[in-house]
Amino acid sequence: MNFAKKLALTSIALAISTPALAVPVVYNLSLNNISTFDNTITGTGSTVSLAPVVAGQSVYNYIDINSNPATVTITRPDGSAISPSGGYTSNGVSLSGAVWDIGPAASGSDPIPGFNSGLKFTFSSPVNAFGFEIGDWATCCTTGTRPLAIQSTYGVPATGSGLWIAFDGGAATLPANALSSSDNPGVPAQNSFTNFIGAIDSSGFFSSITFFGDGFGEFLVAGGTLRFASVPQGSVGGVPEPASLALMGLGLAGLVAARRRKAA
């Protein structure tokens, strides 16, 4: 067997043997559509665990993938303490528990404007599905301009009121960006500035999530009821790694080239 054909077959074998990895799937839903997130989890055969947020409490219990008791601790992203209080209601629609104040504010150590005014959820045992409720997003402040360095570094739009998320201290992404109030899913669904943010990463598990907003001037809150789950790996949003796809393409190209030489 010539070298090109060996390379092609080896490349295809490696690509096929490489497990398909999933990218985090982020849900931005109205409160009356939280079942979309829950149904995705139960559809994999997993169970959604609930923990209503209680005023003054920043540590919550859940059951991990091995059926062992575990806890999640909520702090500011810089590690400082923060406690939930009160609640939030918009046009008769209320979040289901107490809330943390995450109104965007600037600090000298923010890697992204608003970062340290958000929340960090730290899990004692990793999970791969988690969600919570949001209040007062996109009520205003959708025309603010992000610094050019943030736009280029993170590939985000120049303007908008954003909700950012990061997994395990990795690079933050912007899964939700409001250019008007109607971009909050709660507004068209229930005429309410309430929504739900959830994330599922079935490529593995995460031990922390950082979440924050950058709509400066908004009174932004998060809390309600925390949702936890551990779904089977590859069960939600599974896609092959780009490297595997490229390797497979190289292998197929090699096979085509080998066949053409043989035909000639």
C-alpha atoms as a PDB file:
ATOM      1  CA  MET A   1       0.000   0.000   0.000  1.00  0.00           C
ATOM      2  CA  ASN A   2       1.480   3.387  -1.008  1.00  0.00           C
ATOM      3  CA  PHE A   3       2.072   6.237   1.437  1.00  0.00           C
ATOM      4  CA  ALA A   4      -0.904   8.387   0.335  1.00  0.00           C
ATOM      5  CA  LYS A   5      -3.359   5.554   0.831  1.00  0.00           C
ATOM      6  CA  LYS A   6      -1.846   4.652   4.206  1.00  0.00           C
ATOM      7  CA  LEU A   7      -2.111   8.290   5.304  1.00  0.00           C
ATOM      8  CA  ALA A   8      -5.706   8.489   4.133  1.00  0.00           C
ATOM      9  CA  LEU A   9      -6.812   5.330   5.899  1.00  0.00           C
ATOM     10  CA  THR A  10      -4.933   6.260   9.071  1.00  0.00           C
ATOM     11  CA  SER A  11      -6.494   9.738   9.078  1.00  0.00           C
ATOM     12  CA  ILE A  12     -10.011   8.382   8.662  1.00  0.00           C
ATOM     13  CA  ALA A  13      -9.456   5.800  11.398  1.00  0.00           C
ATOM     14  CA  LEU A  14      -8.210   8.481  13.778  1.00  0.00           C
ATOM     15  CA  ALA A  15     -11.132  10.773  12.978  1.00  0.00           C
ATOM     16  CA  ILE A  16     -13.689   8.011  13.457  1.00  0.00           C
ATOM     17  CA  SER A  17     -12.087   6.864  16.704  1.00  0.00           C
ATOM     18  CA  THR A  18     -12.064  10.401  18.121  1.00  0.00           C
ATOM     19  CA  PRO A  19     -15.224  10.870  20.227  1.00  0.00           C
ATOM     20  CA  ALA A  20     -17.639  13.557  19.099  1.00  0.00           C
ATOM     21  CA  LEU A  21     -17.513  16.500  21.438  1.00  0.00           C
ATOM     22  CA  ALA A  22     -20.336  18.874  22.248  1.00  0.00           C
ATOM     23  CA  VAL A  23     -20.177  22.601  22.617  1.00  0.00           C
ATOM     24  CA  PRO A  24     -22.115  24.197  25.478  1.00  0.00           C
ATOM     25  CA  VAL A  25     -25.755  24.725  24.535  1.00  0.00           C
ATOM     26  CA  VAL A  26     -27.080  27.901  26.143  1.00  0.00           C
ATOM     27  CA  TYR A  27     -30.810  28.510  26.599  1.00  0.00           C
ATOM     28  CA  ASN A  28     -32.346  31.992  26.848  1.00  0.00           C
ATOM     29  CA  LEU A  29     -36.044  31.405  27.549  1.00  0.00           C
ATOM     30  CA  SER A  30     -39.127  33.122  28.906  1.00  0.00           C
ATOM     31  CA  LEU A  31     -40.138  31.785  32.311  1.00  0.00           C
ATOM     32  CA  ASN A  32     -43.156  30.006  30.848  1.00  0.00           C
ATOM     33  CA  ASN A  33     -40.824  28.071  28.553  1.00  0.00           C
ATOM     34  CA  ILE A  34     -38.359  26.736  31.143  1.00  0.00           C
ATOM     35  CA  SER A  35     -39.794  23.305  30.334  1.00  0.00           C
ATOM     36  CA  THR A  36     -37.735  23.422  27.118  1.00  0.00           C
ATOM     37  CA  PHE A  37     -34.562  23.203  29.226  1.00  0.00           C
ATOM     38  CA  ASP A  38     -36.056  20.627  31.600  1.00  0.00           C
ATOM     39  CA  ASN A  39     -37.350  18.452  28.765  1.00  0.00           C
ATOM     40  CA  THR A  40     -33.945  18.404  27.086  1.00  0.00           C
ATOM     41  CA  ILE A  41     -32.495  16.971  30.289  1.00  0.00           C
ATOM     42  CA  THR A  42     -35.246  14.457  31.010  1.00  0.00           C
ATOM     43  CA  GLY A  43     -35.105  13.396  27.354  1.00  0.00           C
ATOM     44  CA  THR A  44     -31.604  12.030  28.031  1.00  0.00           C
ATOM     45  CA  GLY A  45     -32.923   9.971  30.954  1.00  0.00           C
ATOM     46  CA  SER A  46     -31.531  12.377  33.542  1.00  0.00           C
ATOM     47  CA  THR A  47     -33.284  14.209  36.361  1.00  0.00           C
ATOM     48  CA  VAL A  48     -33.507  17.951  37.010  1.00  0.00           C
ATOM     49  CA  SER A  49     -32.763  18.892  40.633  1.00  0.00           C
ATOM     50  CA  LEU A  50     -34.242  22.161  41.960  1.00  0.00           C
ATOM     51  CA  ALA A  51     -32.995  24.532  44.668  1.00  0.00           C
ATOM     52  CA  PRO A  52     -35.146  27.628  45.321  1.00  0.00           C
ATOM     53  CA  VAL A  53     -32.968  30.635  46.185  1.00  0.00           C
ATOM     54  CA  VAL A  54     -33.505  31.756  49.783  1.00  0.00           C
ATOM     55  CA  ALA A  55     -32.720  35.235  51.132  1.00  0.00           C
ATOM     56  CA  GLY A  56     -29.364  35.319  52.905  1.00  0.00           C
ATOM     57  CA  GLN A  57     -28.245  31.890  51.656  1.00  0.00           C
ATOM     58  CA  SER A  58     -25.396  31.487  49.166  1.00  0.00           C
ATOM     59  CA  VAL A  59     -24.674  27.741  49.482  1.00  0.00           C
ATOM     60  CA  TYR A  60     -27.134  25.205  48.022  1.00  0.00           C
ATOM     61  CA  ASN A  61     -27.320  21.422  47.956  1.00  0.00           C
ATOM     62  CA  TYR A  62     -27.687  19.073  45.001  1.00  0.00           C
ATOM     63  CA  ILE A  63     -27.002  15.432  44.132  1.00  0.00           C
ATOM     64  CA  ASP A  64     -24.092  14.775  41.774  1.00  0.00           C
ATOM     65  CA  ILE A  65     -23.779  12.266  38.941  1.00  0.00           C
ATOM     66  CA  ASN A  66     -22.654   9.557  41.391  1.00  0.00           C
ATOM     67  CA  SER A  67     -25.715  10.146  43.604  1.00  0.00           C
ATOM     68  CA  ASN A  68     -23.571  11.808  46.262  1.00  0.00           C
ATOM     69  CA  PRO A  69     -24.549  15.012  48.086  1.00  0.00           C
ATOM     70  CA  ALA A  70     -22.766  18.120  46.799  1.00  0.00           C
ATOM     71  CA  THR A  71     -22.951  21.889  47.150  1.00  0.00           C
ATOM     72  CA  VAL A  72     -22.712  24.988  44.983  1.00  0.00           C
ATOM     73  CA  THR A  73     -21.348  28.197  46.489  1.00  0.00           C
ATOM     74  CA  ILE A  74     -22.213  31.561  44.975  1.00  0.00           C
ATOM     75  CA  THR A  75     -19.807  34.523  45.211  1.00  0.00           C
ATOM     76  CA  ARG A  76     -18.819  37.499  43.141  1.00  0.00           C
ATOM     77  CA  PRO A  77     -16.375  36.550  40.343  1.00  0.00           C
ATOM     78  CA  ASP A  78     -13.529  38.045  42.398  1.00  0.00           C
ATOM     79  CA  GLY A  79     -14.396  35.693  45.292  1.00  0.00           C
ATOM     80  CA  SER A  80     -16.057  38.256  47.531  1.00  0.00           C
ATOM     81  CA  ALA A  81     -19.257  37.351  49.385  1.00  0.00           C
ATOM     82  CA  ILE A  82     -22.728  38.220  48.149  1.00  0.00           C
ATOM     83  CA  SER A  83     -26.138  37.291  49.562  1.00  0.00           C
ATOM     84  CA  PRO A  84     -29.519  37.109  47.825  1.00  0.00           C
ATOM     85  CA  SER A  85     -32.485  39.085  49.073  1.00  0.00           C
ATOM     86  CA  GLY A  86     -36.044  40.051  48.175  1.00  0.00           C
ATOM     87  CA  GLY A  87     -37.400  39.017  44.797  1.00  0.00           C
ATOM     88  CA  TYR A  88     -38.368  40.458  41.433  1.00  0.00           C
ATOM     89  CA  THR A  89     -41.692  40.947  39.631  1.00  0.00           C
ATOM     90  CA  SER A  90     -42.368  42.427  36.213  1.00  0.00           C
ATOM     91  CA  ASN A  91     -45.922  42.909  34.915  1.00  0.00           C
ATOM     92  CA  GLY A  92     -47.305  40.300  37.282  1.00  0.00           C
ATOM     93  CA  VAL A  93     -44.642  37.685  36.463  1.00  0.00           C
ATOM     94  CA  SER A  94     -42.336  36.906  39.399  1.00  0.00           C
ATOM     95  CA  LEU A  95     -39.060  35.072  39.722  1.00  0.00           C
ATOM     96  CA  SER A  96     -39.599  31.949  41.818  1.00  0.00           C
ATOM     97  CA  GLY A  97     -37.231  32.806  44.678  1.00  0.00           C
ATOM     98  CA  ALA A  98     -34.870  35.388  46.124  1.00  0.00           C
ATOM     99  CA  VAL A  99     -32.321  37.138  43.885  1.00  0.00           C
ATOM    100  CA  TRP A 100     -28.749  38.370  43.778  1.00  0.00           C
ATOM    101  CA  ASP A 101     -28.128  41.933  42.630  1.00  0.00           C
ATOM    102  CA  ILE A 102     -25.903  41.782  39.549  1.00  0.00           C
ATOM    103  CA  GLY A 103     -26.535  45.301  38.232  1.00  0.00           C
ATOM    104  CA  PRO A 104     -23.555  46.033  35.946  1.00  0.00           C
ATOM    105  CA  ALA A 105     -20.932  48.196  37.607  1.00  0.00           C
ATOM    106  CA  ALA A 106     -17.317  48.926  36.789  1.00  0.00           C
ATOM    107  CA  SER A 107     -14.303  47.848  38.832  1.00  0.00           C
ATOM    108  CA  GLY A 108     -10.677  48.460  38.153  1.00  0.00           C
ATOM    109  CA  SER A 109      -9.946  44.735  37.827  1.00  0.00           C
ATOM    110  CA  ASP A 110     -12.724  43.869  35.326  1.00  0.00           C
ATOM    111  CA  PRO A 111     -11.307  41.877  32.377  1.00  0.00           C
ATOM    112  CA  ILE A 112     -14.602  42.718  30.634  1.00  0.00           C
ATOM    113  CA  PRO A 113     -16.669  45.711  31.817  1.00  0.00           C
ATOM    114  CA  GLY A 114     -19.200  44.456  34.382  1.00  0.00           C
ATOM    115  CA  PHE A 115     -17.383  41.169  35.083  1.00  0.00           C
ATOM    116  CA  ASN A 116     -16.929  41.519  38.838  1.00  0.00           C
ATOM    117  CA  SER A 117     -20.506  42.663  39.438  1.00  0.00           C
ATOM    118  CA  GLY A 118     -21.775  39.258  38.285  1.00  0.00           C
ATOM    119  CA  LEU A 119     -21.886  35.859  39.964  1.00  0.00           C
ATOM    120  CA  LYS A 120     -19.576  32.867  40.190  1.00  0.00           C
ATOM    121  CA  PHE A 121     -21.134  29.458  40.874  1.00  0.00           C
ATOM    122  CA  THR A 122     -18.557  26.997  42.245  1.00  0.00           C
ATOM    123  CA  PHE A 123     -19.602  23.328  42.396  1.00  0.00           C
ATOM    124  CA  SER A 124     -18.052  20.915  44.906  1.00  0.00           C
ATOM    125  CA  SER A 125     -18.710  18.109  42.405  1.00  0.00           C
ATOM    126  CA  PRO A 126     -18.867  18.895  38.672  1.00  0.00           C
ATOM    127  CA  VAL A 127     -22.166  19.095  36.792  1.00  0.00           C
ATOM    128  CA  ASN A 128     -22.890  19.624  33.120  1.00  0.00           C
ATOM    129  CA  ALA A 129     -26.307  21.288  33.172  1.00  0.00           C
ATOM    130  CA  PHE A 130     -27.263  24.343  35.189  1.00  0.00           C
ATOM    131  CA  GLY A 131     -29.720  27.224  34.983  1.00  0.00           C
ATOM    132  CA  PHE A 132     -31.307  30.135  36.871  1.00  0.00           C
ATOM    133  CA  GLU A 133     -33.738  33.022  36.387  1.00  0.00           C
ATOM    134  CA  ILE A 134     -33.024  36.638  35.414  1.00  0.00           C
ATOM    135  CA  GLY A 135     -34.923  39.848  36.105  1.00  0.00           C
ATOM    136  CA  ASP A 136     -34.826  43.326  34.567  1.00  0.00           C
ATOM    137  CA  TRP A 137     -32.627  42.536  31.578  1.00  0.00           C
ATOM    138  CA  ALA A 138     -33.007  44.838  28.519  1.00  0.00           C
ATOM    139  CA  THR A 139     -35.289  47.324  30.258  1.00  0.00           C
ATOM    140  CA  CYS A 140     -32.890  49.997  29.007  1.00  0.00           C
ATOM    141  CA  CYS A 141     -29.240  50.544  28.197  1.00  0.00           C
ATOM    142  CA  THR A 142     -29.161  48.609  24.909  1.00  0.00           C
ATOM    143  CA  THR A 143     -27.214  51.290  23.032  1.00  0.00           C
ATOM    144  CA  GLY A 144     -24.034  51.247  25.100  1.00  0.00           C
ATOM    145  CA  THR A 145     -20.797  50.754  23.149  1.00  0.00           C
ATOM    146  CA  ARG A 146     -18.284  48.093  24.166  1.00  0.00           C
ATOM    147  CA  PRO A 147     -14.567  48.925  24.135  1.00  0.00           C
ATOM    148  CA  LEU A 148     -12.890  48.147  20.819  1.00  0.00           C
ATOM    149  CA  ALA A 149     -10.484  45.756  22.544  1.00  0.00           C
ATOM    150  CA  ILE A 150     -13.422  43.726  23.918  1.00  0.00           C
ATOM    151  CA  GLN A 151     -15.114  43.667  20.524  1.00  0.00           C
ATOM    152  CA  SER A 152     -12.026  42.324  18.765  1.00  0.00           C
ATOM    153  CA  THR A 153     -10.875  39.938  21.500  1.00  0.00           C
ATOM    154  CA  TYR A 154     -14.243  38.262  22.023  1.00  0.00           C
ATOM    155  CA  GLY A 155     -15.828  38.784  18.606  1.00  0.00           C
ATOM    156  CA  VAL A 156     -18.906  40.502  20.039  1.00  0.00           C
ATOM    157  CA  PRO A 157     -21.158  43.251  18.628  1.00  0.00           C
ATOM    158  CA  ALA A 158     -20.233  46.866  19.240  1.00  0.00           C
ATOM    159  CA  THR A 159     -23.471  47.710  21.055  1.00  0.00           C
ATOM    160  CA  GLY A 160     -26.137  46.081  23.192  1.00  0.00           C
ATOM    161  CA  SER A 161     -26.965  44.917  26.687  1.00  0.00           C
ATOM    162  CA  GLY A 162     -25.287  41.536  26.985  1.00  0.00           C
ATOM    163  CA  LEU A 163     -25.453  38.510  29.226  1.00  0.00           C
ATOM    164  CA  TRP A 164     -22.030  36.854  29.397  1.00  0.00           C
ATOM    165  CA  ILE A 165     -21.105  33.363  30.575  1.00  0.00           C
ATOM    166  CA  ALA A 166     -17.822  31.496  31.109  1.00  0.00           C
ATOM    167  CA  PHE A 167     -17.127  27.891  32.079  1.00  0.00           C
ATOM    168  CA  ASP A 168     -14.298  26.853  34.425  1.00  0.00           C
ATOM    169  CA  GLY A 169     -12.536  30.191  34.135  1.00  0.00           C
ATOM    170  CA  GLY A 170     -12.309  29.951  30.348  1.00  0.00           C
ATOM    171  CA  ALA A 171     -12.974  32.707  27.847  1.00  0.00           C
ATOM    172  CA  ALA A 172     -16.336  34.421  28.317  1.00  0.00           C
ATOM    173  CA  THR A 173     -18.920  34.267  25.548  1.00  0.00           C
ATOM    174  CA  LEU A 174     -21.965  36.425  24.855  1.00  0.00           C
ATOM    175  CA  PRO A 175     -24.946  34.074  24.371  1.00  0.00           C
ATOM    176  CA  ALA A 176     -27.536  36.866  24.711  1.00  0.00           C
ATOM    177  CA  ASN A 177     -27.328  40.444  23.448  1.00  0.00           C
ATOM    178  CA  ALA A 178     -30.295  42.825  23.514  1.00  0.00           C
ATOM    179  CA  LEU A 179     -30.546  45.680  21.028  1.00  0.00           C
ATOM    180  CA  SER A 180     -34.107  46.404  22.159  1.00  0.00           C
ATOM    181  CA  SER A 181     -36.438  45.231  24.920  1.00  0.00           C
ATOM    182  CA  SER A 182     -38.067  42.689  22.594  1.00  0.00           C
ATOM    183  CA  ASP A 183     -34.787  40.725  22.587  1.00  0.00           C
ATOM    184  CA  ASN A 184     -35.639  39.635  26.128  1.00  0.00           C
ATOM    185  CA  PRO A 185     -37.734  36.479  25.449  1.00  0.00           C
ATOM    186  CA  GLY A 186     -39.986  37.334  28.386  1.00  0.00           C
ATOM    187  CA  VAL A 187     -41.226  40.507  26.686  1.00  0.00           C
ATOM    188  CA  PRO A 188     -42.871  38.973  23.589  1.00  0.00           C
ATOM    189  CA  ALA A 189     -43.966  35.877  25.537  1.00  0.00           C
ATOM    190  CA  GLN A 190     -45.377  37.449  28.716  1.00  0.00           C
ATOM    191  CA  ASN A 191     -44.827  41.211  28.398  1.00  0.00           C
ATOM    192  CA  SER A 192     -42.391  40.801  31.283  1.00  0.00           C
ATOM    193  CA  PHE A 193     -38.723  41.593  31.833  1.00  0.00           C
ATOM    194  CA  THR A 194     -38.038  38.106  33.141  1.00  0.00           C
ATOM    195  CA  ASN A 195     -36.122  35.276  31.499  1.00  0.00           C
ATOM    196  CA  PHE A 196     -34.198  32.079  32.184  1.00  0.00           C
ATOM    197  CA  ILE A 197     -30.589  31.280  31.306  1.00  0.00           C
ATOM    198  CA  GLY A 198     -29.483  27.639  31.233  1.00  0.00           C
ATOM    199  CA  ALA A 199     -26.427  25.824  29.900  1.00  0.00           C
ATOM    200  CA  ILE A 200     -25.733  22.180  29.054  1.00  0.00           C
ATOM    201  CA  ASP A 201     -22.245  20.955  28.154  1.00  0.00           C
ATOM    202  CA  SER A 202     -22.439  17.241  27.460  1.00  0.00           C
ATOM    203  CA  SER A 203     -18.827  17.112  26.248  1.00  0.00           C
ATOM    204  CA  GLY A 204     -17.819  16.835  29.902  1.00  0.00           C
ATOM    205  CA  PHE A 205     -18.463  18.566  33.202  1.00  0.00           C
ATOM    206  CA  PHE A 206     -17.775  21.990  34.661  1.00  0.00           C
ATOM    207  CA  SER A 207     -16.809  22.979  38.183  1.00  0.00           C
ATOM    208  CA  SER A 208     -17.654  26.661  37.911  1.00  0.00           C
ATOM    209  CA  ILE A 209     -19.734  29.119  35.912  1.00  0.00           C
ATOM    210  CA  THR A 210     -19.223  32.869  35.825  1.00  0.00           C
ATOM    211  CA  PHE A 211     -22.180  34.985  34.726  1.00  0.00           C
ATOM    212  CA  PHE A 212     -22.536  38.770  34.371  1.00  0.00           C
ATOM    213  CA  GLY A 213     -24.185  41.536  32.366  1.00  0.00           C
ATOM    214  CA  ASP A 214     -22.798  44.617  30.662  1.00  0.00           C
ATOM    215  CA  GLY A 215     -25.910  46.771  30.171  1.00  0.00           C
ATOM    216  CA  PHE A 216     -24.661  49.617  32.348  1.00  0.00           C
ATOM    217  CA  GLY A 217     -27.561  51.412  33.997  1.00  0.00           C
ATOM    218  CA  GLU A 218     -29.776  48.328  34.316  1.00  0.00           C
ATOM    219  CA  PHE A 219     -31.015  46.999  37.614  1.00  0.00           C
ATOM    220  CA  LEU A 220     -30.174  43.373  36.877  1.00  0.00           C
ATOM    221  CA  VAL A 221     -30.882  40.404  39.168  1.00  0.00           C
ATOM    222  CA  ALA A 222     -30.385  36.627  39.037  1.00  0.00           C
ATOM    223  CA  GLY A 223     -31.773  33.804  41.161  1.00  0.00           C
ATOM    224  CA  GLY A 224     -35.271  32.371  41.372  1.00  0.00           C
ATOM    225  CA  THR A 225     -34.751  28.607  41.367  1.00  0.00           C
ATOM    226  CA  LEU A 226     -31.416  26.957  40.565  1.00  0.00           C
ATOM    227  CA  ARG A 227     -31.601  23.922  38.277  1.00  0.00           C
ATOM    228  CA  PHE A 228     -28.935  21.179  38.241  1.00  0.00           C
ATOM    229  CA  ALA A 229     -28.450  18.029  36.190  1.00  0.00           C
ATOM    230  CA  SER A 230     -25.830  15.648  34.812  1.00  0.00           C
ATOM    231  CA  VAL A 231     -26.661  14.349  31.345  1.00  0.00           C
ATOM    232  CA  PRO A 232     -24.814  11.527  29.523  1.00  0.00           C
ATOM    233  CA  GLN A 233     -21.779  12.696  27.607  1.00  0.00           C
ATOM    234  CA  GLY A 234     -22.490  13.507  23.963  1.00  0.00           C
ATOM    235  CA  SER A 235     -26.253  13.436  24.513  1.00  0.00           C
ATOM    236  CA  VAL A 236     -26.967  17.128  23.857  1.00  0.00           C
ATOM    237  CA  GLY A 237     -25.650  19.189  20.960  1.00  0.00           C
ATOM    238  CA  GLY A 238     -22.935  16.699  19.983  1.00  0.00           C
ATOM    239  CA  VAL A 239     -20.697  17.896  17.169  1.00  0.00           C
ATOM    240  CA  PRO A 240     -17.320  16.560  15.971  1.00  0.00           C
ATOM    241  CA  GLU A 241     -14.232  18.523  16.851  1.00  0.00           C
ATOM    242  CA  PRO A 242     -13.039  20.792  13.988  1.00  0.00           C
ATOM    243  CA  ALA A 243      -9.672  19.014  14.094  1.00  0.00           C
ATOM    244  CA  SER A 244     -11.379  15.671  13.569  1.00  0.00           C
ATOM    245  CA  LEU A 245     -13.380  17.026  10.647  1.00  0.00           C
ATOM    246  CA  ALA A 246     -10.220  18.439   9.084  1.00  0.00           C
ATOM    247  CA  LEU A 247      -8.401  15.160   9.597  1.00  0.00           C
ATOM    248  CA  MET A 248     -11.227  13.231   7.996  1.00  0.00           C
ATOM    249  CA  GLY A 249     -11.225  15.648   5.057  1.00  0.00           C
ATOM    250  CA  LEU A 250      -7.484  15.128   4.626  1.00  0.00           C
ATOM    251  CA  GLY A 251      -8.010  11.387   4.666  1.00  0.00           C
ATOM    252  CA  LEU A 252     -10.762  11.472   2.066  1.00  0.00           C
ATOM    253  CA  ALA A 253      -8.696  13.769  -0.132  1.00  0.00           C
ATOM    254  CA  GLY A 254      -5.808  11.336   0.120  1.00  0.00           C
ATOM    255  CA  LEU A 255      -7.987   8.433  -0.959  1.00  0.00           C
ATOM    256  CA  VAL A 256      -9.293  10.393  -3.956  1.00  0.00           C
ATOM    257  CA  ALA A 257      -5.756  11.318  -4.982  1.00  0.00           C
ATOM    258  CA  ALA A 258      -4.600   7.718  -4.650  1.00  0.00           C
ATOM    259  CA  ARG A 259      -7.478   6.444  -6.789  1.00  0.00           C
ATOM    260  CA  ARG A 260      -6.796   9.064  -9.479  1.00  0.00           C
ATOM    261  CA  ARG A 261      -3.128   8.037  -9.678  1.00  0.00           C
ATOM    262  CA  LYS A 262      -4.159   4.393  -9.899  1.00  0.00           C
ATOM    263  CA  ALA A 263      -6.632   5.178 -12.700  1.00  0.00           C
ATOM    264  CA  ALA A 264      -3.997   7.152 -14.604  1.00  0.00           C
END
